[in-house]
Each structure stands twice: as structure tokens, then as C-alpha cells.
Amino acid sequence: MLESINRAQAIYGIERISLAPSLDAVTVEFDASRLRVADIEATLRRCGLPVAQPAPPESVATVTPEPAPPAAPTRP
């Protein structure tokens, strides 16, 4: 299972995959500007991790991109 998690974690846009202590679930943190929940589910299946019951969208953790640095002040 860990090898499958490592393969999935290598996908661009997936930030972190955490395995539950019970070893029966994973939590995936991802960049929602790059991937959708359906993409994550397909990636997990492709990597050999069964997706028996997808989490509802409101319970999926997302990682948002860092805000851009403030613009330099302009002279009046």
C-alpha cells in the first residue's frame, strides 16, 4: 500500500497523502486549482488504491496556492 501511496503522491498537484492509523483510509491534500476530486479518485485507482466510498466534496481538504506578493507602490 505504501508503494501505491508514493506513486500517487508523485503526481503534480497532490501535496500530501496521509494514511489513517487504522490503515483503511487516506486523506489527500491537493491544489484545487490544478486537480478536481474526480482527478484524485482516478489517480488513486490508477496507482492501485481502491476508492470504495469517495468523500463528499465538502469534506475534501484542499491546498490553495500562496497569494502573490504585494505589488510595489506606485508614485503619485
N, C-alpha and C. Protein backbone atom coordinates (compact mmCIF):
# COMPACT_ATOMS: atom_id res chain seq x y z
N MET A 1 0.82 -1.19 0.00
CA MET A 1 0.00 0.00 0.00
C MET A 1 0.87 1.26 0.00
N LEU A 2 1.96 1.25 0.75
CA LEU A 2 2.82 2.43 0.80
C LEU A 2 3.43 2.75 -0.56
N GLU A 3 3.74 1.73 -1.34
CA GLU A 3 4.28 1.97 -2.67
C GLU A 3 3.23 2.66 -3.55
N SER A 4 1.98 2.25 -3.42
CA SER A 4 0.89 2.89 -4.18
C SER A 4 0.71 4.34 -3.76
N ILE A 5 0.80 4.60 -2.47
CA ILE A 5 0.68 5.97 -1.97
C ILE A 5 1.83 6.82 -2.49
N ASN A 6 3.03 6.27 -2.50
CA ASN A 6 4.19 7.01 -3.03
C ASN A 6 4.00 7.36 -4.50
N ARG A 7 3.47 6.42 -5.29
CA ARG A 7 3.23 6.70 -6.72
C ARG A 7 2.20 7.81 -6.87
N ALA A 8 1.13 7.77 -6.09
CA ALA A 8 0.09 8.79 -6.18
C ALA A 8 0.62 10.15 -5.73
N GLN A 9 1.44 10.15 -4.71
CA GLN A 9 1.97 11.41 -4.17
C GLN A 9 2.91 12.11 -5.15
N ALA A 10 3.44 11.38 -6.10
CA ALA A 10 4.35 11.95 -7.08
C ALA A 10 3.61 12.74 -8.17
N ILE A 11 2.30 12.68 -8.20
CA ILE A 11 1.51 13.38 -9.21
C ILE A 11 1.51 14.88 -8.93
N TYR A 12 1.78 15.66 -9.96
CA TYR A 12 1.82 17.11 -9.83
C TYR A 12 0.45 17.62 -9.37
N GLY A 13 0.44 18.39 -8.30
CA GLY A 13 -0.80 18.94 -7.76
C GLY A 13 -1.24 18.26 -6.48
N ILE A 14 -0.76 17.04 -6.24
CA ILE A 14 -1.05 16.37 -4.97
C ILE A 14 0.02 16.81 -3.99
N GLU A 15 -0.43 17.43 -2.91
CA GLU A 15 0.50 17.99 -1.93
C GLU A 15 0.90 16.97 -0.86
N ARG A 16 -0.06 16.21 -0.37
CA ARG A 16 0.23 15.27 0.72
C ARG A 16 -0.84 14.19 0.74
N ILE A 17 -0.42 12.98 1.06
CA ILE A 17 -1.35 11.88 1.29
C ILE A 17 -1.02 11.31 2.66
N SER A 18 -2.02 11.29 3.52
CA SER A 18 -1.83 10.78 4.88
C SER A 18 -2.64 9.51 5.06
N LEU A 19 -2.00 8.50 5.59
CA LEU A 19 -2.65 7.22 5.86
C LEU A 19 -3.23 7.25 7.26
N ALA A 20 -4.49 6.85 7.39
CA ALA A 20 -5.15 6.81 8.70
C ALA A 20 -4.48 5.76 9.57
N PRO A 21 -4.44 5.98 10.89
CA PRO A 21 -3.83 4.99 11.80
C PRO A 21 -4.47 3.60 11.67
N SER A 22 -5.73 3.55 11.29
CA SER A 22 -6.43 2.27 11.13
C SER A 22 -6.04 1.56 9.82
N LEU A 23 -5.27 2.25 8.97
CA LEU A 23 -4.78 1.73 7.68
C LEU A 23 -5.90 1.43 6.69
N ASP A 24 -7.07 2.02 6.90
CA ASP A 24 -8.18 1.74 5.99
C ASP A 24 -8.68 2.97 5.24
N ALA A 25 -7.97 4.10 5.37
CA ALA A 25 -8.38 5.32 4.69
C ALA A 25 -7.17 6.24 4.50
N VAL A 26 -7.27 7.08 3.50
CA VAL A 26 -6.24 8.09 3.28
C VAL A 26 -6.91 9.46 3.17
N THR A 27 -6.16 10.48 3.53
CA THR A 27 -6.58 11.86 3.33
C THR A 27 -5.63 12.47 2.32
N VAL A 28 -6.19 13.09 1.30
CA VAL A 28 -5.39 13.67 0.23
C VAL A 28 -5.55 15.18 0.26
N GLU A 29 -4.43 15.87 0.38
CA GLU A 29 -4.42 17.33 0.28
C GLU A 29 -3.87 17.65 -1.10
N PHE A 30 -4.58 18.53 -1.81
CA PHE A 30 -4.18 18.82 -3.18
C PHE A 30 -4.47 20.26 -3.54
N ASP A 31 -3.86 20.69 -4.63
CA ASP A 31 -4.04 22.04 -5.16
C ASP A 31 -5.30 22.03 -6.02
N ALA A 32 -6.38 22.62 -5.51
CA ALA A 32 -7.66 22.60 -6.20
C ALA A 32 -7.65 23.43 -7.48
N SER A 33 -6.63 24.25 -7.68
CA SER A 33 -6.55 24.99 -8.94
C SER A 33 -5.98 24.12 -10.05
N ARG A 34 -5.45 22.95 -9.70
CA ARG A 34 -4.86 22.06 -10.69
C ARG A 34 -5.62 20.75 -10.85
N LEU A 35 -6.27 20.29 -9.79
CA LEU A 35 -6.94 18.99 -9.81
C LEU A 35 -8.35 19.10 -9.25
N ARG A 36 -9.21 18.18 -9.68
CA ARG A 36 -10.57 18.07 -9.12
C ARG A 36 -10.65 16.77 -8.33
N VAL A 37 -11.71 16.62 -7.56
CA VAL A 37 -11.89 15.40 -6.76
C VAL A 37 -11.89 14.18 -7.68
N ALA A 38 -12.53 14.28 -8.84
CA ALA A 38 -12.57 13.16 -9.78
C ALA A 38 -11.16 12.78 -10.25
N ASP A 39 -10.29 13.79 -10.43
CA ASP A 39 -8.90 13.51 -10.82
C ASP A 39 -8.17 12.73 -9.72
N ILE A 40 -8.41 13.13 -8.47
CA ILE A 40 -7.76 12.45 -7.34
C ILE A 40 -8.24 11.00 -7.27
N GLU A 41 -9.54 10.79 -7.40
CA GLU A 41 -10.08 9.43 -7.34
C GLU A 41 -9.49 8.57 -8.45
N ALA A 42 -9.42 9.11 -9.67
CA ALA A 42 -8.86 8.36 -10.79
C ALA A 42 -7.38 8.05 -10.57
N THR A 43 -6.64 9.01 -10.03
CA THR A 43 -5.21 8.80 -9.74
C THR A 43 -5.03 7.71 -8.71
N LEU A 44 -5.81 7.74 -7.65
CA LEU A 44 -5.69 6.70 -6.61
C LEU A 44 -5.98 5.33 -7.20
N ARG A 45 -7.02 5.22 -8.02
CA ARG A 45 -7.34 3.93 -8.64
C ARG A 45 -6.20 3.47 -9.56
N ARG A 46 -5.67 4.40 -10.38
CA ARG A 46 -4.57 4.05 -11.29
C ARG A 46 -3.34 3.55 -10.54
N CYS A 47 -3.13 4.09 -9.35
CA CYS A 47 -1.96 3.71 -8.55
C CYS A 47 -2.21 2.46 -7.71
N GLY A 48 -3.40 1.89 -7.82
CA GLY A 48 -3.69 0.64 -7.13
C GLY A 48 -4.36 0.81 -5.78
N LEU A 49 -4.85 2.01 -5.47
CA LEU A 49 -5.55 2.23 -4.21
C LEU A 49 -7.05 2.23 -4.48
N PRO A 50 -7.79 1.32 -3.88
CA PRO A 50 -9.23 1.28 -4.14
C PRO A 50 -9.94 2.49 -3.55
N VAL A 51 -10.90 2.99 -4.29
CA VAL A 51 -11.73 4.10 -3.81
C VAL A 51 -13.13 3.52 -3.67
N ALA A 52 -13.42 3.02 -2.47
CA ALA A 52 -14.68 2.35 -2.24
C ALA A 52 -15.81 3.33 -2.03
N GLN A 53 -15.54 4.38 -1.30
CA GLN A 53 -16.57 5.37 -0.98
C GLN A 53 -15.94 6.75 -1.03
N PRO A 54 -16.07 7.42 -2.17
CA PRO A 54 -15.47 8.75 -2.28
C PRO A 54 -16.04 9.70 -1.24
N ALA A 55 -15.19 10.56 -0.74
CA ALA A 55 -15.63 11.54 0.25
C ALA A 55 -16.46 12.61 -0.44
N PRO A 56 -17.48 13.13 0.24
CA PRO A 56 -18.23 14.24 -0.34
C PRO A 56 -17.32 15.45 -0.51
N PRO A 57 -17.55 16.26 -1.54
CA PRO A 57 -16.65 17.39 -1.82
C PRO A 57 -16.42 18.32 -0.63
N GLU A 58 -17.41 18.52 0.21
CA GLU A 58 -17.22 19.45 1.32
C GLU A 58 -16.26 18.93 2.38
N SER A 59 -15.96 17.63 2.36
CA SER A 59 -15.06 17.08 3.36
C SER A 59 -13.64 16.88 2.83
N VAL A 60 -13.41 17.25 1.58
CA VAL A 60 -12.10 17.06 0.98
C VAL A 60 -11.22 18.28 1.29
N ALA A 61 -10.07 18.01 1.86
CA ALA A 61 -9.14 19.10 2.17
C ALA A 61 -8.47 19.58 0.90
N THR A 62 -8.38 20.87 0.74
CA THR A 62 -7.69 21.41 -0.43
C THR A 62 -6.58 22.34 0.02
N VAL A 63 -5.59 22.45 -0.81
CA VAL A 63 -4.48 23.37 -0.57
C VAL A 63 -4.59 24.46 -1.61
N THR A 64 -4.71 25.69 -1.16
CA THR A 64 -4.82 26.80 -2.10
C THR A 64 -3.44 27.37 -2.38
N PRO A 65 -3.25 27.90 -3.58
CA PRO A 65 -1.95 28.48 -3.90
C PRO A 65 -1.64 29.66 -2.99
N GLU A 66 -0.35 29.88 -2.77
CA GLU A 66 0.06 31.02 -1.95
C GLU A 66 -0.29 32.31 -2.69
N PRO A 67 -0.71 33.35 -1.95
CA PRO A 67 -1.03 34.61 -2.61
C PRO A 67 0.23 35.25 -3.19
N ALA A 68 0.02 36.01 -4.24
CA ALA A 68 1.14 36.71 -4.87
C ALA A 68 1.65 37.80 -3.93
N PRO A 69 2.94 38.10 -3.98
CA PRO A 69 3.46 39.18 -3.13
C PRO A 69 2.81 40.51 -3.51
N PRO A 70 2.72 41.43 -2.57
CA PRO A 70 2.11 42.73 -2.88
C PRO A 70 2.90 43.46 -3.97
N ALA A 71 2.17 44.21 -4.77
CA ALA A 71 2.81 44.97 -5.84
C ALA A 71 3.59 46.13 -5.24
N ALA A 72 4.62 46.53 -5.94
CA ALA A 72 5.42 47.67 -5.48
C ALA A 72 4.55 48.93 -5.53
N PRO A 73 4.71 49.80 -4.53
CA PRO A 73 3.89 51.02 -4.54
C PRO A 73 4.23 51.90 -5.75
N THR A 74 3.22 52.57 -6.24
CA THR A 74 3.44 53.47 -7.37
C THR A 74 3.55 54.89 -6.87
N ARG A 75 4.25 55.69 -7.60
CA ARG A 75 4.41 57.09 -7.20
C ARG A 75 3.23 57.89 -7.74
N PRO A 76 2.73 58.81 -6.93
CA PRO A 76 1.58 59.62 -7.39
C PRO A 76 1.94 60.55 -8.50
